[in-house]
Amino acid sequence: FYPGKTDEARTLFVTAIACLAYGLCQHNEVVRCCVATAGNDHRLGAQEAPPAIMSLYPGTGFETFVDEIIKGGPLLGYKAEKTTADPKASAVMPAVCGVEDRNR
């Protein structure tokens, strides 16, 4: 999840994410039909999220940025920044992490 280094790349990234979200919202049945198979619906003994659950989570920072665009704000301005997660324990070092991707 990286929006790019140049203004052109960032604009393209934001536009692509918006198109993807809109397409998933408008045509979710088609996407579901494409991935619906007996094997896919019961992967790993049905212990994994099935394809019926679709998620597009770009992170809270990007979500706030998109909300500003919807209100009329500019397409440019978003930068993915790494932060440090404070473990709240003196025996553990803070970890550098990207706040925009919850799963990886």
N, C-alpha and C. Protein backbone atom coordinates (compact mmCIF):
# COMPACT_ATOMS: atom_id res chain seq x y z
N PHE A 1 0.84 -1.17 0.00
CA PHE A 1 0.00 0.00 0.00
C PHE A 1 0.88 1.23 0.00
N TYR A 2 1.19 1.71 -1.17
CA TYR A 2 2.02 2.90 -1.28
C TYR A 2 1.50 3.77 -2.41
N PRO A 3 1.14 5.00 -2.14
CA PRO A 3 0.51 5.85 -3.15
C PRO A 3 1.45 6.40 -4.22
N GLY A 4 2.74 6.27 -4.06
CA GLY A 4 3.67 6.76 -5.07
C GLY A 4 4.47 7.95 -4.59
N LYS A 5 5.50 8.29 -5.36
CA LYS A 5 6.40 9.37 -4.97
C LYS A 5 6.09 10.69 -5.66
N THR A 6 5.47 10.64 -6.81
CA THR A 6 5.19 11.87 -7.56
C THR A 6 3.71 12.24 -7.44
N ASP A 7 3.40 13.50 -7.74
CA ASP A 7 2.00 13.94 -7.70
C ASP A 7 1.15 13.15 -8.69
N GLU A 8 1.70 12.87 -9.85
CA GLU A 8 0.96 12.10 -10.86
C GLU A 8 0.65 10.69 -10.36
N ALA A 9 1.63 10.05 -9.72
CA ALA A 9 1.42 8.70 -9.19
C ALA A 9 0.40 8.70 -8.06
N ARG A 10 0.44 9.73 -7.20
CA ARG A 10 -0.52 9.81 -6.09
C ARG A 10 -1.94 10.03 -6.61
N THR A 11 -2.07 10.87 -7.62
CA THR A 11 -3.40 11.12 -8.20
C THR A 11 -3.94 9.84 -8.82
N LEU A 12 -3.09 9.12 -9.53
CA LEU A 12 -3.50 7.85 -10.14
C LEU A 12 -3.90 6.84 -9.08
N PHE A 13 -3.15 6.78 -8.00
CA PHE A 13 -3.43 5.84 -6.91
C PHE A 13 -4.80 6.12 -6.29
N VAL A 14 -5.06 7.38 -5.95
CA VAL A 14 -6.33 7.75 -5.33
C VAL A 14 -7.49 7.46 -6.28
N THR A 15 -7.29 7.77 -7.55
CA THR A 15 -8.34 7.52 -8.54
C THR A 15 -8.59 6.03 -8.70
N ALA A 16 -7.55 5.23 -8.71
CA ALA A 16 -7.70 3.78 -8.87
C ALA A 16 -8.42 3.17 -7.67
N ILE A 17 -8.09 3.60 -6.46
CA ILE A 17 -8.76 3.08 -5.27
C ILE A 17 -10.24 3.47 -5.29
N ALA A 18 -10.53 4.70 -5.71
CA ALA A 18 -11.92 5.15 -5.79
C ALA A 18 -12.70 4.32 -6.82
N CYS A 19 -12.08 4.04 -7.97
CA CYS A 19 -12.74 3.23 -9.01
C CYS A 19 -12.96 1.80 -8.52
N LEU A 20 -11.98 1.25 -7.83
CA LEU A 20 -12.11 -0.11 -7.29
C LEU A 20 -13.25 -0.18 -6.27
N ALA A 21 -13.30 0.77 -5.36
CA ALA A 21 -14.36 0.78 -4.35
C ALA A 21 -15.73 0.94 -5.00
N TYR A 22 -15.83 1.83 -5.96
CA TYR A 22 -17.10 2.05 -6.65
C TYR A 22 -17.52 0.79 -7.41
N GLY A 23 -16.57 0.17 -8.11
CA GLY A 23 -16.88 -1.05 -8.86
C GLY A 23 -17.33 -2.19 -7.97
N LEU A 24 -16.66 -2.36 -6.82
CA LEU A 24 -17.07 -3.41 -5.89
C LEU A 24 -18.45 -3.13 -5.32
N CYS A 25 -18.74 -1.86 -5.07
CA CYS A 25 -20.05 -1.50 -4.53
C CYS A 25 -21.16 -1.73 -5.56
N GLN A 26 -20.92 -1.37 -6.80
CA GLN A 26 -21.94 -1.46 -7.84
C GLN A 26 -22.12 -2.86 -8.41
N HIS A 27 -21.05 -3.67 -8.41
CA HIS A 27 -21.09 -4.96 -9.08
C HIS A 27 -20.63 -6.10 -8.18
N ASN A 28 -20.98 -6.05 -6.90
CA ASN A 28 -20.51 -7.07 -5.97
C ASN A 28 -21.04 -8.46 -6.31
N GLU A 29 -22.23 -8.54 -6.92
CA GLU A 29 -22.77 -9.86 -7.28
C GLU A 29 -21.90 -10.55 -8.34
N VAL A 30 -21.42 -9.77 -9.29
CA VAL A 30 -20.58 -10.32 -10.35
C VAL A 30 -19.27 -10.84 -9.78
N VAL A 31 -18.67 -10.05 -8.87
CA VAL A 31 -17.42 -10.48 -8.24
C VAL A 31 -17.66 -11.76 -7.44
N ARG A 32 -18.75 -11.82 -6.71
CA ARG A 32 -19.08 -13.01 -5.91
C ARG A 32 -19.27 -14.23 -6.81
N CYS A 33 -19.96 -14.05 -7.93
CA CYS A 33 -20.18 -15.17 -8.86
C CYS A 33 -18.86 -15.69 -9.44
N CYS A 34 -17.91 -14.80 -9.62
CA CYS A 34 -16.62 -15.20 -10.20
C CYS A 34 -15.79 -16.05 -9.24
N VAL A 35 -15.96 -15.85 -7.95
CA VAL A 35 -15.13 -16.58 -6.98
C VAL A 35 -15.89 -17.67 -6.24
N ALA A 36 -17.19 -17.79 -6.47
CA ALA A 36 -18.00 -18.76 -5.74
C ALA A 36 -17.83 -20.16 -6.31
N THR A 37 -17.07 -20.96 -5.62
CA THR A 37 -16.95 -22.38 -5.93
C THR A 37 -17.03 -23.14 -4.61
N ALA A 38 -17.32 -24.40 -4.68
CA ALA A 38 -17.41 -25.19 -3.44
C ALA A 38 -16.09 -25.15 -2.68
N GLY A 39 -14.99 -25.23 -3.40
CA GLY A 39 -13.68 -25.21 -2.74
C GLY A 39 -13.36 -23.87 -2.12
N ASN A 40 -13.72 -22.81 -2.81
CA ASN A 40 -13.43 -21.47 -2.29
C ASN A 40 -14.32 -21.12 -1.11
N ASP A 41 -15.56 -21.55 -1.12
CA ASP A 41 -16.46 -21.22 -0.03
C ASP A 41 -16.12 -21.96 1.26
N HIS A 42 -15.40 -23.04 1.17
CA HIS A 42 -15.06 -23.83 2.36
C HIS A 42 -13.56 -24.05 2.47
N ARG A 43 -12.80 -22.99 2.22
CA ARG A 43 -11.34 -23.08 2.30
C ARG A 43 -10.90 -23.39 3.73
N LEU A 44 -9.85 -24.12 3.84
CA LEU A 44 -9.24 -24.46 5.13
C LEU A 44 -10.26 -24.95 6.14
N GLY A 45 -11.17 -25.78 5.69
CA GLY A 45 -12.15 -26.35 6.60
C GLY A 45 -13.14 -25.32 7.11
N ALA A 46 -13.43 -24.33 6.31
CA ALA A 46 -14.38 -23.26 6.63
C ALA A 46 -13.91 -22.40 7.79
N GLN A 47 -12.62 -22.42 8.09
CA GLN A 47 -12.09 -21.60 9.19
C GLN A 47 -11.53 -20.26 8.69
N GLU A 48 -11.54 -20.03 7.41
CA GLU A 48 -11.05 -18.78 6.84
C GLU A 48 -12.24 -18.00 6.28
N ALA A 49 -12.12 -16.70 6.23
CA ALA A 49 -13.22 -15.88 5.71
C ALA A 49 -13.52 -16.27 4.27
N PRO A 50 -14.76 -16.60 3.97
CA PRO A 50 -15.11 -17.00 2.61
C PRO A 50 -15.13 -15.80 1.66
N PRO A 51 -15.11 -16.04 0.37
CA PRO A 51 -15.13 -14.94 -0.60
C PRO A 51 -16.39 -14.08 -0.52
N ALA A 52 -17.41 -14.54 0.18
CA ALA A 52 -18.62 -13.72 0.33
C ALA A 52 -18.33 -12.46 1.14
N ILE A 53 -17.25 -12.50 1.91
CA ILE A 53 -16.87 -11.35 2.72
C ILE A 53 -15.77 -10.60 1.98
N MET A 54 -16.12 -9.47 1.42
CA MET A 54 -15.14 -8.67 0.69
C MET A 54 -14.82 -7.44 1.51
N SER A 55 -13.54 -7.12 1.58
CA SER A 55 -13.11 -6.01 2.40
C SER A 55 -12.14 -5.14 1.62
N LEU A 56 -12.34 -3.85 1.70
CA LEU A 56 -11.40 -2.89 1.13
C LEU A 56 -11.07 -1.94 2.26
N TYR A 57 -9.97 -2.21 2.93
CA TYR A 57 -9.59 -1.40 4.09
C TYR A 57 -8.27 -0.71 3.80
N PRO A 58 -8.31 0.54 3.35
CA PRO A 58 -7.07 1.25 3.08
C PRO A 58 -6.48 1.91 4.31
N GLY A 59 -7.17 1.91 5.42
CA GLY A 59 -6.66 2.50 6.65
C GLY A 59 -7.39 3.77 7.03
N THR A 60 -7.27 4.15 8.28
CA THR A 60 -8.00 5.31 8.77
C THR A 60 -7.49 6.61 8.17
N GLY A 61 -6.19 6.73 7.97
CA GLY A 61 -5.64 7.94 7.37
C GLY A 61 -6.14 8.16 5.96
N PHE A 62 -6.15 7.10 5.17
CA PHE A 62 -6.62 7.21 3.79
C PHE A 62 -8.13 7.43 3.76
N GLU A 63 -8.83 6.81 4.68
CA GLU A 63 -10.29 6.98 4.75
C GLU A 63 -10.63 8.45 5.05
N THR A 64 -9.90 9.06 5.97
CA THR A 64 -10.11 10.48 6.27
C THR A 64 -9.82 11.33 5.05
N PHE A 65 -8.76 10.99 4.32
CA PHE A 65 -8.40 11.72 3.10
C PHE A 65 -9.52 11.60 2.06
N VAL A 66 -10.06 10.42 1.88
CA VAL A 66 -11.15 10.22 0.91
C VAL A 66 -12.39 11.01 1.33
N ASP A 67 -12.68 11.05 2.63
CA ASP A 67 -13.81 11.85 3.11
C ASP A 67 -13.63 13.32 2.75
N GLU A 68 -12.40 13.80 2.85
CA GLU A 68 -12.13 15.19 2.48
C GLU A 68 -12.32 15.42 0.97
N ILE A 69 -11.95 14.44 0.16
CA ILE A 69 -12.15 14.55 -1.30
C ILE A 69 -13.64 14.62 -1.60
N ILE A 70 -14.43 13.79 -0.91
CA ILE A 70 -15.88 13.78 -1.12
C ILE A 70 -16.48 15.15 -0.77
N LYS A 71 -15.90 15.81 0.21
CA LYS A 71 -16.38 17.13 0.60
C LYS A 71 -15.87 18.23 -0.33
N GLY A 72 -15.10 17.86 -1.35
CA GLY A 72 -14.61 18.85 -2.30
C GLY A 72 -13.13 19.16 -2.19
N GLY A 73 -12.42 18.42 -1.37
CA GLY A 73 -11.00 18.66 -1.19
C GLY A 73 -10.19 18.18 -2.40
N PRO A 74 -8.90 18.51 -2.43
CA PRO A 74 -8.05 18.13 -3.57
C PRO A 74 -7.69 16.64 -3.57
N LEU A 75 -7.37 16.12 -4.76
CA LEU A 75 -6.93 14.73 -4.87
C LEU A 75 -5.53 14.53 -4.30
N LEU A 76 -4.72 15.55 -4.37
CA LEU A 76 -3.36 15.44 -3.87
C LEU A 76 -3.30 15.78 -2.38
N GLY A 77 -2.28 15.27 -1.72
CA GLY A 77 -2.08 15.61 -0.32
C GLY A 77 -1.88 14.42 0.58
N TYR A 78 -2.26 13.22 0.14
CA TYR A 78 -2.12 12.04 0.99
C TYR A 78 -0.71 11.48 0.88
N LYS A 79 -0.12 11.17 2.01
CA LYS A 79 1.18 10.51 2.04
C LYS A 79 1.13 9.39 3.07
N ALA A 80 1.53 8.20 2.67
CA ALA A 80 1.58 7.08 3.60
C ALA A 80 2.85 7.24 4.43
N GLU A 81 2.67 7.36 5.72
CA GLU A 81 3.82 7.57 6.60
C GLU A 81 3.93 6.44 7.61
N LYS A 82 5.14 6.00 7.81
CA LYS A 82 5.37 4.98 8.82
C LYS A 82 5.38 5.64 10.19
N THR A 83 4.85 4.93 11.16
CA THR A 83 4.82 5.44 12.53
C THR A 83 5.45 4.41 13.44
N THR A 84 5.55 4.75 14.68
CA THR A 84 6.10 3.84 15.68
C THR A 84 4.97 3.42 16.62
N ALA A 85 4.79 2.12 16.75
CA ALA A 85 3.78 1.59 17.67
C ALA A 85 4.39 1.48 19.05
N ASP A 86 3.80 2.15 20.00
CA ASP A 86 4.28 2.12 21.37
C ASP A 86 3.67 0.91 22.08
N PRO A 87 4.50 -0.06 22.51
CA PRO A 87 3.96 -1.27 23.15
C PRO A 87 3.48 -1.04 24.58
N LYS A 88 3.73 0.15 25.13
CA LYS A 88 3.32 0.49 26.51
C LYS A 88 3.97 -0.42 27.54
N ALA A 89 5.16 -0.93 27.19
CA ALA A 89 5.92 -1.78 28.12
C ALA A 89 7.38 -1.41 28.01
N SER A 90 8.05 -1.27 29.13
CA SER A 90 9.45 -0.85 29.11
C SER A 90 10.40 -1.94 28.61
N ALA A 91 9.99 -3.20 28.66
CA ALA A 91 10.86 -4.30 28.25
C ALA A 91 10.79 -4.57 26.76
N VAL A 92 9.92 -3.86 26.04
CA VAL A 92 9.74 -4.11 24.61
C VAL A 92 10.05 -2.82 23.84
N MET A 93 10.82 -2.98 22.76
CA MET A 93 11.15 -1.81 21.94
C MET A 93 9.95 -1.41 21.08
N PRO A 94 9.79 -0.12 20.83
CA PRO A 94 8.75 0.31 19.89
C PRO A 94 9.01 -0.26 18.51
N ALA A 95 7.97 -0.59 17.79
CA ALA A 95 8.10 -1.19 16.46
C ALA A 95 7.67 -0.18 15.40
N VAL A 96 8.45 -0.11 14.32
CA VAL A 96 8.09 0.73 13.18
C VAL A 96 7.04 0.00 12.37
N CYS A 97 5.96 0.69 12.04
CA CYS A 97 4.89 0.03 11.31
C CYS A 97 4.18 1.03 10.41
N GLY A 98 3.55 0.50 9.39
CA GLY A 98 2.70 1.30 8.53
C GLY A 98 1.29 1.23 9.07
N VAL A 99 0.69 2.36 9.35
CA VAL A 99 -0.63 2.37 9.98
C VAL A 99 -1.75 2.07 9.01
N GLU A 100 -1.49 2.03 7.72
CA GLU A 100 -2.55 1.91 6.74
C GLU A 100 -2.91 0.48 6.36
N ASP A 101 -2.20 -0.49 6.84
CA ASP A 101 -2.51 -1.87 6.47
C ASP A 101 -2.61 -2.72 7.72
N ARG A 102 -3.82 -3.08 8.07
CA ARG A 102 -4.04 -3.78 9.33
C ARG A 102 -3.62 -5.24 9.30
N ASN A 103 -3.49 -5.84 8.13
CA ASN A 103 -3.28 -7.29 8.06
C ASN A 103 -1.84 -7.71 7.80
N ARG A 104 -1.02 -6.82 7.36
CA ARG A 104 0.31 -7.26 6.94
C ARG A 104 1.40 -6.52 7.65
